[in-house]
Amino acid sequence: MLNWFYLGLAALSGAAMALQGTFNAALGKIIGVWESTLLVHIIGTVLVILIIMILGIGFSNFGKLGNVPWYAFLGGILNVGIIYTLVRAIPKIGVGNATTAIIVAQVLTAVLIDCLGAFGMKKLEFHYIDLLGIALLAAGARILLLD
């Protein structure tokens, strides 16, 4: 059963990603790609620290870091790569084209992760109709990318 609340949260995240890429690209045009990537991470770090402090969550869970699988730490590295590549790509190809490429690559990767149950995720059964969905998504992306 599909949970509409969480689907809505995911959709909100997608909209935020398009805005984030736009804002980061605007920042990168003025202060530079690497400088904007650093600044975005500093701002995000300060915000998360404030949220943790305001909500009274505390930092005691950091004691569990030894239980975290090595690959879970790659998210921070990927985040730098994501922001850098968006800041480089969006001014050259536009927000719509960049976001379309992001979505197609995200869905392809996500289906693969689900089918394999990779990285500790729940393994979901693969259905050949998934390939049709991916093909239609790719066809839709191609239509959007026509000049």
Protein backbone atom coordinates (compact mmCIF):
# COMPACT_ATOMS: atom_id res chain seq x y z
CA MET A 1 0.00 0.00 0.00
CA LEU A 2 1.39 3.34 -1.05
CA ASN A 3 1.76 5.86 1.75
CA TRP A 4 0.73 9.20 0.26
CA PHE A 5 2.33 11.24 3.05
CA TYR A 6 5.78 9.83 2.35
CA LEU A 7 5.26 10.06 -1.38
CA GLY A 8 4.45 13.75 -0.83
CA LEU A 9 7.62 14.17 1.24
CA ALA A 10 9.65 12.60 -1.57
CA ALA A 11 8.02 14.92 -4.12
CA LEU A 12 8.81 17.90 -1.89
CA SER A 13 12.41 16.71 -1.79
CA GLY A 14 12.49 16.58 -5.59
CA ALA A 15 11.26 20.16 -5.84
CA ALA A 16 13.84 21.22 -3.25
CA MET A 17 16.59 19.53 -5.28
CA ALA A 18 15.69 21.56 -8.37
CA LEU A 19 15.73 24.76 -6.31
CA GLN A 20 18.96 23.76 -4.57
CA GLY A 21 20.72 23.16 -7.87
CA THR A 22 19.52 26.52 -9.15
CA PHE A 23 20.66 28.39 -6.04
CA ASN A 24 24.01 26.57 -5.91
CA ALA A 25 24.66 27.31 -9.59
CA ALA A 26 23.87 31.01 -9.06
CA LEU A 27 26.28 31.07 -6.10
CA GLY A 28 28.95 29.18 -8.05
CA LYS A 29 28.81 31.64 -10.96
CA ILE A 30 29.75 34.45 -8.61
CA ILE A 31 32.18 32.97 -6.08
CA GLY A 32 33.41 29.86 -7.93
CA VAL A 33 32.44 26.20 -8.07
CA TRP A 34 34.59 24.83 -5.24
CA GLU A 35 34.01 27.88 -3.06
CA SER A 36 30.24 27.56 -3.43
CA THR A 37 30.40 23.82 -2.73
CA LEU A 38 32.27 24.54 0.51
CA LEU A 39 29.94 27.36 1.53
CA VAL A 40 26.82 25.27 0.94
CA HIS A 41 28.23 22.53 3.18
CA ILE A 42 29.17 25.01 5.91
CA ILE A 43 25.67 26.50 5.88
CA GLY A 44 24.13 23.02 5.97
CA THR A 45 26.38 21.94 8.86
CA VAL A 46 25.50 25.00 10.91
CA LEU A 47 21.79 24.45 10.25
CA VAL A 48 21.90 20.79 11.33
CA ILE A 49 23.81 21.67 14.51
CA LEU A 50 21.19 24.31 15.33
CA ILE A 51 18.32 21.87 14.68
CA ILE A 52 19.91 19.23 16.91
CA MET A 53 20.41 21.79 19.67
CA ILE A 54 16.95 23.38 19.39
CA LEU A 55 15.18 20.01 19.35
CA GLY A 56 17.31 18.78 22.25
CA ILE A 57 18.35 15.66 20.37
CA GLY A 58 21.93 15.78 21.61
CA PHE A 59 25.00 14.15 20.16
CA SER A 60 25.07 10.87 22.11
CA ASN A 61 24.26 8.73 19.07
CA PHE A 62 27.68 9.52 17.65
CA GLY A 63 28.92 6.85 20.04
CA LYS A 64 27.41 4.32 17.63
CA LEU A 65 29.68 5.33 14.73
CA GLY A 66 31.70 2.15 15.17
CA ASN A 67 28.61 0.13 14.18
CA VAL A 68 28.14 1.95 10.87
CA PRO A 69 29.16 0.03 7.71
CA TRP A 70 31.99 1.71 5.80
CA TYR A 71 29.89 2.46 2.74
CA ALA A 72 27.42 4.55 4.75
CA PHE A 73 30.11 7.22 5.11
CA LEU A 74 30.29 7.66 1.34
CA GLY A 75 27.18 9.87 1.43
CA GLY A 76 29.27 12.87 2.48
CA ILE A 77 31.70 12.31 -0.38
CA LEU A 78 28.84 11.85 -2.84
CA ASN A 79 27.19 15.03 -1.56
CA VAL A 80 30.28 17.04 -2.48
CA GLY A 81 30.30 15.44 -5.93
CA ILE A 82 26.59 16.06 -6.44
CA ILE A 83 26.80 19.74 -5.56
CA TYR A 84 29.97 20.26 -7.61
CA THR A 85 28.58 18.57 -10.71
CA LEU A 86 25.29 20.47 -10.49
CA VAL A 87 27.04 23.80 -10.09
CA ARG A 88 29.06 22.97 -13.22
CA ALA A 89 26.21 21.51 -15.31
CA ILE A 90 23.21 23.77 -14.63
CA PRO A 91 24.69 27.00 -16.07
CA LYS A 92 25.65 25.09 -19.25
CA ILE A 93 22.55 22.95 -19.91
CA GLY A 94 19.82 24.53 -17.76
CA VAL A 95 17.90 23.41 -14.69
CA GLY A 96 15.33 21.37 -16.64
CA ASN A 97 17.89 19.39 -18.62
CA ALA A 98 20.09 18.77 -15.58
CA THR A 99 17.14 17.70 -13.46
CA THR A 100 15.90 15.37 -16.20
CA ALA A 101 19.29 13.67 -16.38
CA ILE A 102 19.36 13.44 -12.58
CA ILE A 103 15.94 11.81 -12.40
CA VAL A 104 16.67 9.21 -15.09
CA ALA A 105 20.00 8.27 -13.47
CA GLN A 106 18.42 8.22 -9.99
CA VAL A 107 15.62 5.88 -11.02
CA LEU A 108 17.96 3.51 -12.87
CA THR A 109 20.30 3.36 -9.88
CA ALA A 110 17.43 3.04 -7.39
CA VAL A 111 15.85 0.13 -9.26
CA LEU A 112 19.20 -1.64 -9.33
CA ILE A 113 19.70 -1.10 -5.59
CA ASP A 114 16.17 -2.36 -4.88
CA CYS A 115 16.58 -5.45 -7.05
CA LEU A 116 19.90 -6.36 -5.44
CA GLY A 117 19.00 -5.32 -1.91
CA ALA A 118 22.34 -3.50 -2.00
CA PHE A 119 23.81 -1.59 0.92
CA GLY A 120 21.47 -3.12 3.48
CA MET A 121 18.29 -2.00 1.73
CA LYS A 122 15.26 -4.24 1.56
CA LYS A 123 15.46 -6.44 -1.54
CA LEU A 124 12.44 -5.92 -3.77
CA GLU A 125 11.37 -8.37 -6.41
CA PHE A 126 12.25 -7.34 -9.95
CA HIS A 127 9.41 -7.24 -12.47
CA TYR A 128 10.00 -6.94 -16.19
CA ILE A 129 7.38 -4.19 -16.28
CA ASP A 130 10.00 -2.12 -14.41
CA LEU A 131 12.00 -2.09 -17.63
CA LEU A 132 9.01 -0.63 -19.46
CA GLY A 133 8.71 2.08 -16.81
CA ILE A 134 12.39 2.92 -17.18
CA ALA A 135 12.12 2.93 -20.97
CA LEU A 136 9.12 5.28 -20.83
CA LEU A 137 10.96 7.52 -18.37
CA ALA A 138 13.97 7.63 -20.70
CA ALA A 139 11.71 8.37 -23.69
CA GLY A 140 10.05 11.17 -21.75
CA ALA A 141 13.44 12.54 -20.80
CA ARG A 142 14.51 12.49 -24.45
CA ILE A 143 11.38 14.45 -25.43
CA LEU A 144 12.11 17.03 -22.72
CA LEU A 145 15.70 17.36 -23.90
CA LEU A 146 14.81 18.10 -27.55
CA ASP A 147 15.93 21.55 -28.58
